[in-house]
Amino acid sequence: MAEEEWIGATQESLGKLISKPKMTEKYLKKPPFRFLHDIVMEVVRSTNFGQGLYTPEECDAAQLSDKGAKVEFLNKAINLTCLALGEQVHVSANKIVAGLEADKTNLWLQKLHTAATTCVGAKSDDAVQRVLAGETAGPKEKKKKKEEEPKAEEAKPAADDGGAAAAAEEE
């Protein structure tokens, strides 16, 4: 999808749902955190989607000054969107804060629009509770690979010694 297409799609969807902040091309090309924070807060205010997800401190962008707090804020919004829709949105909060992958950020904003317009009420409340309980929508593949690697390494030495280690353990 060309840059103009995903910017236009975000402007057409989210831009019609909320009046501020304005969905300008400048900010959608490389969305700053404050812009994204304002979008999420305005979606919550205008639609009640995600009501109760954020603490009063998180609702104030000025309080979210370090990278970890910004990533946590965005992870909550991304997980809420995914859990409410029941589908994955392949975007990384770390990369968003770093100003990378604007195309994926815009895709998430479009999904946020879909969730905010179709998953209000009980579905939103359920998704909020799931996020607050620590449930995430992201894949766990990376963690699994790290866990599997040591197991594979442990098996190699046992095979290389002709089974002597296994025999020694049995004695």
N, C-alpha and C. Protein backbone atom coordinates (compact mmCIF):
# COMPACT_ATOMS: atom_id res chain seq x y z
N MET A 1 0.85 -1.18 0.00
CA MET A 1 0.00 0.00 0.00
C MET A 1 0.89 1.24 0.00
N ALA A 2 0.63 2.14 -0.90
CA ALA A 2 1.42 3.37 -0.99
C ALA A 2 1.11 4.29 0.18
N GLU A 3 2.08 5.15 0.48
CA GLU A 3 1.96 6.06 1.62
C GLU A 3 0.65 6.86 1.58
N GLU A 4 0.31 7.38 0.40
CA GLU A 4 -0.90 8.18 0.28
C GLU A 4 -2.14 7.36 0.62
N GLU A 5 -2.11 6.07 0.28
CA GLU A 5 -3.27 5.21 0.52
C GLU A 5 -3.52 5.01 2.01
N TRP A 6 -2.45 4.67 2.77
CA TRP A 6 -2.70 4.42 4.19
C TRP A 6 -2.96 5.69 4.97
N ILE A 7 -2.39 6.80 4.53
CA ILE A 7 -2.71 8.08 5.18
C ILE A 7 -4.17 8.45 4.88
N GLY A 8 -4.56 8.30 3.63
CA GLY A 8 -5.94 8.60 3.24
C GLY A 8 -6.94 7.71 3.95
N ALA A 9 -6.60 6.43 4.10
CA ALA A 9 -7.50 5.50 4.79
C ALA A 9 -7.68 5.89 6.25
N THR A 10 -6.61 6.33 6.89
CA THR A 10 -6.70 6.77 8.29
C THR A 10 -7.53 8.05 8.38
N GLN A 11 -7.31 8.97 7.45
CA GLN A 11 -8.07 10.22 7.45
C GLN A 11 -9.56 9.96 7.23
N GLU A 12 -9.87 9.01 6.33
CA GLU A 12 -11.26 8.69 6.03
C GLU A 12 -11.96 8.00 7.20
N SER A 13 -11.25 7.16 7.92
CA SER A 13 -11.88 6.42 9.02
C SER A 13 -11.85 7.22 10.31
N LEU A 14 -10.70 7.32 10.91
CA LEU A 14 -10.56 7.97 12.21
C LEU A 14 -10.86 9.47 12.13
N GLY A 15 -10.51 10.08 11.01
CA GLY A 15 -10.75 11.51 10.84
C GLY A 15 -12.23 11.87 10.87
N LYS A 16 -13.09 10.91 10.53
CA LYS A 16 -14.53 11.17 10.56
C LYS A 16 -15.12 10.84 11.93
N LEU A 17 -14.40 10.07 12.73
CA LEU A 17 -14.89 9.69 14.06
C LEU A 17 -14.62 10.78 15.09
N ILE A 18 -13.44 11.37 15.01
CA ILE A 18 -13.05 12.41 15.98
C ILE A 18 -12.67 13.68 15.23
N SER A 19 -12.93 14.82 15.86
CA SER A 19 -12.63 16.10 15.20
C SER A 19 -11.25 16.63 15.58
N LYS A 20 -10.75 16.19 16.74
CA LYS A 20 -9.40 16.61 17.15
C LYS A 20 -8.67 15.43 17.73
N PRO A 21 -7.42 15.31 17.56
CA PRO A 21 -6.59 16.16 16.72
C PRO A 21 -6.89 15.92 15.24
N LYS A 22 -6.56 16.88 14.42
CA LYS A 22 -6.77 16.77 12.98
C LYS A 22 -5.84 15.71 12.41
N MET A 23 -6.35 14.91 11.50
CA MET A 23 -5.56 13.84 10.87
C MET A 23 -4.77 14.42 9.70
N THR A 24 -3.75 15.21 10.02
CA THR A 24 -2.95 15.85 8.98
C THR A 24 -1.90 14.88 8.45
N GLU A 25 -1.58 15.04 7.18
CA GLU A 25 -0.60 14.18 6.54
C GLU A 25 0.75 14.25 7.26
N LYS A 26 1.11 15.44 7.71
CA LYS A 26 2.38 15.64 8.40
C LYS A 26 2.50 14.70 9.61
N TYR A 27 1.46 14.65 10.42
CA TYR A 27 1.51 13.83 11.63
C TYR A 27 1.29 12.34 11.35
N LEU A 28 0.55 12.01 10.31
CA LEU A 28 0.31 10.61 10.00
C LEU A 28 1.52 9.96 9.33
N LYS A 29 2.38 10.77 8.68
CA LYS A 29 3.59 10.23 8.05
C LYS A 29 4.56 9.70 9.09
N LYS A 30 4.64 10.38 10.22
CA LYS A 30 5.51 9.96 11.32
C LYS A 30 4.84 10.42 12.62
N PRO A 31 3.87 9.63 13.09
CA PRO A 31 3.05 10.07 14.22
C PRO A 31 3.84 10.20 15.53
N PRO A 32 3.89 11.41 16.09
CA PRO A 32 4.55 11.57 17.39
C PRO A 32 3.66 10.99 18.50
N PHE A 33 4.27 10.65 19.61
CA PHE A 33 3.52 10.03 20.71
C PHE A 33 2.36 10.91 21.16
N ARG A 34 2.59 12.20 21.34
CA ARG A 34 1.54 13.09 21.84
C ARG A 34 0.32 13.06 20.92
N PHE A 35 0.55 13.02 19.63
CA PHE A 35 -0.53 12.95 18.64
C PHE A 35 -1.33 11.66 18.85
N LEU A 36 -0.64 10.54 19.00
CA LEU A 36 -1.31 9.25 19.20
C LEU A 36 -2.05 9.22 20.53
N HIS A 37 -1.44 9.78 21.57
CA HIS A 37 -2.08 9.85 22.88
C HIS A 37 -3.39 10.64 22.77
N ASP A 38 -3.32 11.78 22.10
CA ASP A 38 -4.52 12.61 21.95
C ASP A 38 -5.61 11.88 21.16
N ILE A 39 -5.22 11.11 20.15
CA ILE A 39 -6.19 10.33 19.37
C ILE A 39 -6.87 9.31 20.27
N VAL A 40 -6.09 8.53 21.01
CA VAL A 40 -6.66 7.49 21.87
C VAL A 40 -7.60 8.11 22.90
N MET A 41 -7.16 9.18 23.54
CA MET A 41 -7.99 9.82 24.58
C MET A 41 -9.28 10.40 23.99
N GLU A 42 -9.20 10.94 22.78
CA GLU A 42 -10.39 11.49 22.13
C GLU A 42 -11.35 10.38 21.71
N VAL A 43 -10.82 9.25 21.25
CA VAL A 43 -11.67 8.11 20.90
C VAL A 43 -12.41 7.62 22.15
N VAL A 44 -11.69 7.50 23.26
CA VAL A 44 -12.32 7.07 24.52
C VAL A 44 -13.41 8.08 24.92
N ARG A 45 -13.08 9.36 24.85
CA ARG A 45 -14.03 10.40 25.26
C ARG A 45 -15.28 10.42 24.37
N SER A 46 -15.09 10.32 23.06
CA SER A 46 -16.22 10.48 22.15
C SER A 46 -17.04 9.21 21.94
N THR A 47 -16.45 8.03 22.16
CA THR A 47 -17.19 6.79 21.89
C THR A 47 -17.38 5.90 23.12
N ASN A 48 -16.66 6.16 24.19
CA ASN A 48 -16.62 5.32 25.39
C ASN A 48 -15.93 3.98 25.16
N PHE A 49 -15.37 3.77 23.97
CA PHE A 49 -14.58 2.56 23.72
C PHE A 49 -13.29 2.66 24.53
N GLY A 50 -13.04 1.68 25.37
CA GLY A 50 -11.84 1.69 26.19
C GLY A 50 -11.99 2.46 27.49
N GLN A 51 -13.22 2.79 27.83
CA GLN A 51 -13.48 3.53 29.08
C GLN A 51 -12.96 2.73 30.27
N GLY A 52 -12.16 3.36 31.13
CA GLY A 52 -11.64 2.70 32.32
C GLY A 52 -10.30 2.01 32.13
N LEU A 53 -9.77 2.06 30.92
CA LEU A 53 -8.49 1.39 30.64
C LEU A 53 -7.31 2.12 31.26
N TYR A 54 -7.38 3.43 31.27
CA TYR A 54 -6.24 4.23 31.70
C TYR A 54 -6.45 4.88 33.06
N THR A 55 -5.35 5.00 33.80
CA THR A 55 -5.36 5.70 35.08
C THR A 55 -5.40 7.21 34.80
N PRO A 56 -5.77 8.02 35.79
CA PRO A 56 -5.76 9.48 35.57
C PRO A 56 -4.38 9.98 35.13
N GLU A 57 -3.32 9.38 35.65
CA GLU A 57 -1.96 9.79 35.27
C GLU A 57 -1.71 9.49 33.79
N GLU A 58 -2.17 8.32 33.33
CA GLU A 58 -1.97 7.94 31.93
C GLU A 58 -2.78 8.82 30.99
N CYS A 59 -3.87 9.38 31.48
CA CYS A 59 -4.70 10.25 30.64
C CYS A 59 -4.03 11.59 30.37
N ASP A 60 -3.03 11.93 31.15
CA ASP A 60 -2.30 13.19 30.99
C ASP A 60 -0.98 12.89 30.29
N ALA A 61 -0.88 13.29 29.03
CA ALA A 61 0.32 12.99 28.24
C ALA A 61 1.59 13.56 28.86
N ALA A 62 1.47 14.67 29.57
CA ALA A 62 2.65 15.29 30.20
C ALA A 62 3.26 14.37 31.27
N GLN A 63 2.44 13.51 31.86
CA GLN A 63 2.93 12.58 32.89
C GLN A 63 3.70 11.41 32.29
N LEU A 64 3.53 11.18 31.00
CA LEU A 64 4.17 10.05 30.33
C LEU A 64 5.42 10.54 29.61
N SER A 65 6.45 10.81 30.38
CA SER A 65 7.64 11.41 29.78
C SER A 65 8.71 10.40 29.40
N ASP A 66 8.78 9.25 30.08
CA ASP A 66 9.83 8.29 29.72
C ASP A 66 9.31 7.27 28.72
N LYS A 67 10.23 6.65 28.01
CA LYS A 67 9.89 5.72 26.94
C LYS A 67 9.04 4.56 27.45
N GLY A 68 9.37 4.02 28.62
CA GLY A 68 8.63 2.89 29.16
C GLY A 68 7.16 3.20 29.37
N ALA A 69 6.86 4.38 29.89
CA ALA A 69 5.47 4.78 30.13
C ALA A 69 4.72 4.94 28.81
N LYS A 70 5.40 5.48 27.80
CA LYS A 70 4.78 5.66 26.50
C LYS A 70 4.48 4.31 25.85
N VAL A 71 5.44 3.40 25.94
CA VAL A 71 5.26 2.06 25.37
C VAL A 71 4.11 1.34 26.07
N GLU A 72 4.04 1.45 27.39
CA GLU A 72 2.96 0.82 28.16
C GLU A 72 1.61 1.39 27.74
N PHE A 73 1.52 2.69 27.59
CA PHE A 73 0.28 3.34 27.15
C PHE A 73 -0.17 2.78 25.80
N LEU A 74 0.77 2.74 24.85
CA LEU A 74 0.44 2.26 23.50
C LEU A 74 0.12 0.77 23.50
N ASN A 75 0.84 -0.02 24.29
CA ASN A 75 0.55 -1.45 24.36
C ASN A 75 -0.87 -1.70 24.86
N LYS A 76 -1.31 -0.92 25.82
CA LYS A 76 -2.69 -1.06 26.31
C LYS A 76 -3.68 -0.79 25.18
N ALA A 77 -3.45 0.28 24.43
CA ALA A 77 -4.36 0.65 23.34
C ALA A 77 -4.35 -0.40 22.23
N ILE A 78 -3.16 -0.90 21.89
CA ILE A 78 -3.04 -1.91 20.84
C ILE A 78 -3.72 -3.20 21.28
N ASN A 79 -3.44 -3.65 22.51
CA ASN A 79 -4.06 -4.87 23.02
C ASN A 79 -5.58 -4.74 23.10
N LEU A 80 -6.06 -3.58 23.53
CA LEU A 80 -7.50 -3.34 23.59
C LEU A 80 -8.12 -3.49 22.21
N THR A 81 -7.49 -2.89 21.22
CA THR A 81 -7.99 -2.96 19.85
C THR A 81 -8.04 -4.41 19.37
N CYS A 82 -6.95 -5.13 19.57
CA CYS A 82 -6.86 -6.52 19.11
C CYS A 82 -7.87 -7.42 19.83
N LEU A 83 -7.95 -7.30 21.14
CA LEU A 83 -8.86 -8.16 21.91
C LEU A 83 -10.32 -7.85 21.60
N ALA A 84 -10.65 -6.59 21.40
CA ALA A 84 -12.04 -6.23 21.08
C ALA A 84 -12.44 -6.77 19.71
N LEU A 85 -11.53 -6.69 18.75
CA LEU A 85 -11.83 -7.15 17.39
C LEU A 85 -11.62 -8.65 17.22
N GLY A 86 -10.84 -9.24 18.12
CA GLY A 86 -10.53 -10.66 17.99
C GLY A 86 -9.56 -10.95 16.85
N GLU A 87 -8.70 -10.00 16.56
CA GLU A 87 -7.72 -10.19 15.48
C GLU A 87 -6.41 -9.50 15.82
N GLN A 88 -5.36 -9.92 15.16
CA GLN A 88 -4.02 -9.35 15.38
C GLN A 88 -3.83 -8.07 14.59
N VAL A 89 -3.11 -7.14 15.18
CA VAL A 89 -2.62 -5.97 14.48
C VAL A 89 -1.11 -6.01 14.69
N HIS A 90 -0.39 -6.23 13.62
CA HIS A 90 1.06 -6.42 13.73
C HIS A 90 1.78 -5.08 13.79
N VAL A 91 1.86 -4.54 14.99
CA VAL A 91 2.52 -3.26 15.22
C VAL A 91 3.23 -3.34 16.57
N SER A 92 4.37 -2.68 16.66
CA SER A 92 5.17 -2.70 17.89
C SER A 92 5.14 -1.32 18.54
N ALA A 93 4.75 -1.28 19.81
CA ALA A 93 4.72 -0.01 20.55
C ALA A 93 6.12 0.60 20.62
N ASN A 94 7.14 -0.24 20.75
CA ASN A 94 8.52 0.27 20.79
C ASN A 94 8.88 0.99 19.49
N LYS A 95 8.48 0.41 18.37
CA LYS A 95 8.78 1.03 17.08
C LYS A 95 7.96 2.29 16.85
N ILE A 96 6.73 2.30 17.37
CA ILE A 96 5.90 3.50 17.26
C ILE A 96 6.56 4.65 18.01
N VAL A 97 6.99 4.39 19.25
CA VAL A 97 7.63 5.43 20.06
C VAL A 97 8.92 5.91 19.40
N ALA A 98 9.61 5.00 18.71
CA ALA A 98 10.85 5.37 18.01
C ALA A 98 10.58 6.09 16.69
N GLY A 99 9.31 6.19 16.31
CA GLY A 99 8.96 6.89 15.08
C GLY A 99 9.11 6.04 13.83
N LEU A 100 9.12 4.72 14.00
CA LEU A 100 9.28 3.80 12.88
C LEU A 100 7.94 3.18 12.49
N GLU A 101 7.88 2.60 11.31
CA GLU A 101 6.73 1.85 10.81
C GLU A 101 5.43 2.64 10.86
N ALA A 102 5.45 3.82 10.27
CA ALA A 102 4.26 4.67 10.24
C ALA A 102 3.10 3.98 9.52
N ASP A 103 3.42 3.14 8.53
CA ASP A 103 2.36 2.44 7.81
C ASP A 103 1.61 1.49 8.74
N LYS A 104 2.34 0.76 9.59
CA LYS A 104 1.70 -0.16 10.53
C LYS A 104 0.98 0.61 11.63
N THR A 105 1.51 1.75 12.01
CA THR A 105 0.85 2.60 13.01
C THR A 105 -0.50 3.07 12.45
N ASN A 106 -0.52 3.48 11.19
CA ASN A 106 -1.77 3.91 10.56
C ASN A 106 -2.76 2.77 10.44
N LEU A 107 -2.27 1.57 10.15
CA LEU A 107 -3.15 0.40 10.09
C LEU A 107 -3.80 0.18 11.46
N TRP A 108 -3.00 0.29 12.54
CA TRP A 108 -3.56 0.15 13.88
C TRP A 108 -4.61 1.24 14.14
N LEU A 109 -4.35 2.48 13.72
CA LEU A 109 -5.32 3.56 13.92
C LEU A 109 -6.63 3.26 13.18
N GLN A 110 -6.53 2.66 12.00
CA GLN A 110 -7.73 2.28 11.26
C GLN A 110 -8.49 1.18 12.00
N LYS A 111 -7.75 0.24 12.59
CA LYS A 111 -8.38 -0.83 13.38
C LYS A 111 -9.00 -0.25 14.65
N LEU A 112 -8.35 0.75 15.23
CA LEU A 112 -8.90 1.42 16.41
C LEU A 112 -10.25 2.03 16.06
N HIS A 113 -10.35 2.63 14.88
CA HIS A 113 -11.63 3.18 14.41
C HIS A 113 -12.67 2.08 14.32
N THR A 114 -12.31 0.96 13.71
CA THR A 114 -13.25 -0.15 13.57
C THR A 114 -13.72 -0.64 14.93
N ALA A 115 -12.77 -0.83 15.84
CA ALA A 115 -13.12 -1.30 17.18
C ALA A 115 -14.01 -0.29 17.90
N ALA A 116 -13.69 0.99 17.79
CA ALA A 116 -14.45 2.03 18.49
C ALA A 116 -15.86 2.20 17.94
N THR A 117 -16.07 1.80 16.70
CA THR A 117 -17.40 1.94 16.10
C THR A 117 -18.21 0.65 16.13
N THR A 118 -17.56 -0.49 16.36
CA THR A 118 -18.30 -1.76 16.34
C THR A 118 -18.25 -2.53 17.66
N CYS A 119 -17.37 -2.15 18.56
CA CYS A 119 -17.18 -2.93 19.79
C CYS A 119 -17.44 -2.10 21.05
N VAL A 120 -18.48 -1.30 21.03
CA VAL A 120 -18.78 -0.49 22.22
C VAL A 120 -19.64 -1.29 23.19
N GLY A 121 -19.76 -0.79 24.40
CA GLY A 121 -20.59 -1.46 25.39
C GLY A 121 -19.89 -2.65 26.02
N ALA A 122 -20.60 -3.76 26.13
CA ALA A 122 -20.09 -4.95 26.83
C ALA A 122 -18.81 -5.49 26.19
N LYS A 123 -18.72 -5.45 24.88
CA LYS A 123 -17.52 -5.96 24.20
C LYS A 123 -16.29 -5.13 24.56
N SER A 124 -16.46 -3.82 24.61
CA SER A 124 -15.38 -2.93 25.01
C SER A 124 -15.02 -3.16 26.47
N ASP A 125 -16.03 -3.24 27.33
CA ASP A 125 -15.79 -3.45 28.76
C ASP A 125 -15.04 -4.75 29.01
N ASP A 126 -15.42 -5.81 28.29
CA ASP A 126 -14.74 -7.10 28.43
C ASP A 126 -13.28 -6.98 28.00
N ALA A 127 -13.04 -6.31 26.88
CA ALA A 127 -11.66 -6.14 26.39
C ALA A 127 -10.83 -5.32 27.38
N VAL A 128 -11.42 -4.29 27.98
CA VAL A 128 -10.72 -3.47 28.98
C VAL A 128 -10.31 -4.34 30.16
N GLN A 129 -11.24 -5.15 30.65
CA GLN A 129 -10.94 -6.02 31.79
C GLN A 129 -9.84 -7.02 31.46
N ARG A 130 -9.86 -7.55 30.25
CA ARG A 130 -8.83 -8.51 29.83
C ARG A 130 -7.46 -7.84 29.76
N VAL A 131 -7.39 -6.62 29.24
CA VAL A 131 -6.12 -5.90 29.17
C VAL A 131 -5.62 -5.58 30.57
N LEU A 132 -6.52 -5.11 31.44
CA LEU A 132 -6.12 -4.77 32.81
C LEU A 132 -5.67 -6.01 33.58
N ALA A 133 -6.19 -7.17 33.20
CA ALA A 133 -5.79 -8.43 33.84
C ALA A 133 -4.45 -8.93 33.31
N GLY A 134 -3.90 -8.22 32.34
CA GLY A 134 -2.58 -8.58 31.82
C GLY A 134 -2.59 -9.39 30.54
N GLU A 135 -3.77 -9.63 29.99
CA GLU A 135 -3.85 -10.40 28.75
C GLU A 135 -3.35 -9.56 27.58
N THR A 136 -2.59 -10.19 26.72
CA THR A 136 -2.09 -9.49 25.53
C THR A 136 -2.57 -10.21 24.29
N ALA A 137 -2.61 -9.48 23.21
CA ALA A 137 -3.05 -10.05 21.95
C ALA A 137 -1.87 -10.44 21.07
N GLY A 138 -0.67 -10.05 21.48
CA GLY A 138 0.51 -10.30 20.67
C GLY A 138 0.94 -11.74 20.69
N PRO A 139 1.62 -12.18 19.63
CA PRO A 139 2.13 -13.55 19.58
C PRO A 139 3.26 -13.76 20.57
N LYS A 140 3.36 -14.96 21.09
CA LYS A 140 4.40 -15.28 22.07
C LYS A 140 5.57 -16.03 21.43
N GLU A 141 5.66 -16.01 20.12
CA GLU A 141 6.66 -16.81 19.40
C GLU A 141 8.09 -16.53 19.83
N LYS A 142 8.45 -15.26 20.00
CA LYS A 142 9.83 -14.93 20.34
C LYS A 142 10.23 -15.54 21.67
N LYS A 143 9.35 -15.48 22.65
CA LYS A 143 9.66 -16.04 23.96
C LYS A 143 9.80 -17.56 23.87
N LYS A 144 8.93 -18.19 23.08
CA LYS A 144 9.00 -19.65 22.93
C LYS A 144 10.32 -20.07 22.31
N LYS A 145 10.78 -19.34 21.31
CA LYS A 145 12.03 -19.69 20.66
C LYS A 145 13.19 -19.62 21.64
N LYS A 146 13.20 -18.60 22.49
CA LYS A 146 14.27 -18.47 23.47
C LYS A 146 14.23 -19.61 24.47
N GLU A 147 13.03 -20.06 24.84
CA GLU A 147 12.90 -21.16 25.79
C GLU A 147 13.33 -22.47 25.14
N GLU A 148 13.03 -22.64 23.85
CA GLU A 148 13.35 -23.89 23.17
C GLU A 148 14.85 -24.04 22.90
N GLU A 149 15.55 -22.93 22.65
CA GLU A 149 16.97 -23.01 22.32
C GLU A 149 17.80 -23.71 23.39
N PRO A 150 17.66 -23.37 24.69
CA PRO A 150 18.47 -24.07 25.69
C PRO A 150 18.18 -25.57 25.72
N LYS A 151 16.93 -25.95 25.50
CA LYS A 151 16.58 -27.37 25.50
C LYS A 151 17.32 -28.09 24.37
N ALA A 152 17.39 -27.47 23.21
CA ALA A 152 18.08 -28.08 22.08
C ALA A 152 19.57 -28.21 22.37
N GLU A 153 20.15 -27.19 23.03
CA GLU A 153 21.57 -27.24 23.37
C GLU A 153 21.85 -28.32 24.41
N GLU A 154 20.95 -28.50 25.37
CA GLU A 154 21.13 -29.53 26.39
C GLU A 154 21.12 -30.92 25.76
N ALA A 155 20.31 -31.10 24.73
CA ALA A 155 20.21 -32.40 24.10
C ALA A 155 21.47 -32.74 23.29
N LYS A 156 22.12 -31.74 22.72
CA LYS A 156 23.30 -31.99 21.90
C LYS A 156 24.44 -32.63 22.69
N PRO A 157 24.85 -32.12 23.85
CA PRO A 157 25.95 -32.75 24.57
C PRO A 157 25.65 -34.20 24.95
N ALA A 158 24.41 -34.49 25.29
CA ALA A 158 24.06 -35.85 25.67
C ALA A 158 24.24 -36.80 24.49
N ALA A 159 23.92 -36.32 23.29
CA ALA A 159 24.06 -37.15 22.10
C ALA A 159 25.53 -37.31 21.72
N ASP A 160 26.35 -36.28 21.95
CA ASP A 160 27.75 -36.30 21.56
C ASP A 160 28.58 -37.24 22.43
N ASP A 161 28.18 -37.49 23.68
CA ASP A 161 29.00 -38.32 24.56
C ASP A 161 28.60 -39.79 24.51
N GLY A 162 27.81 -40.14 23.53
CA GLY A 162 27.44 -41.54 23.37
C GLY A 162 26.49 -42.05 24.44
N GLY A 163 25.81 -41.15 25.13
CA GLY A 163 24.86 -41.56 26.15
C GLY A 163 25.48 -41.75 27.52
N ALA A 164 26.76 -41.43 27.69
CA ALA A 164 27.43 -41.62 28.97
C ALA A 164 26.80 -40.74 30.05
N ALA A 165 26.40 -39.51 29.69
CA ALA A 165 25.80 -38.61 30.68
C ALA A 165 24.46 -39.17 31.15
N ALA A 166 23.68 -39.71 30.24
CA ALA A 166 22.38 -40.27 30.62
C ALA A 166 22.58 -41.49 31.51
N ALA A 167 23.58 -42.30 31.21
CA ALA A 167 23.86 -43.49 32.02
C ALA A 167 24.34 -43.09 33.41
N ALA A 168 25.14 -42.02 33.49
CA ALA A 168 25.65 -41.56 34.78
C ALA A 168 24.51 -41.02 35.63
N GLU A 169 23.51 -40.37 35.02
CA GLU A 169 22.38 -39.85 35.77
C GLU A 169 21.52 -40.97 36.34
N GLU A 170 21.45 -42.09 35.65
CA GLU A 170 20.62 -43.21 36.11
C GLU A 170 21.24 -43.90 37.31
N GLU A 171 22.55 -43.85 37.48
CA GLU A 171 23.23 -44.55 38.58
C GLU A 171 23.05 -43.91 39.89
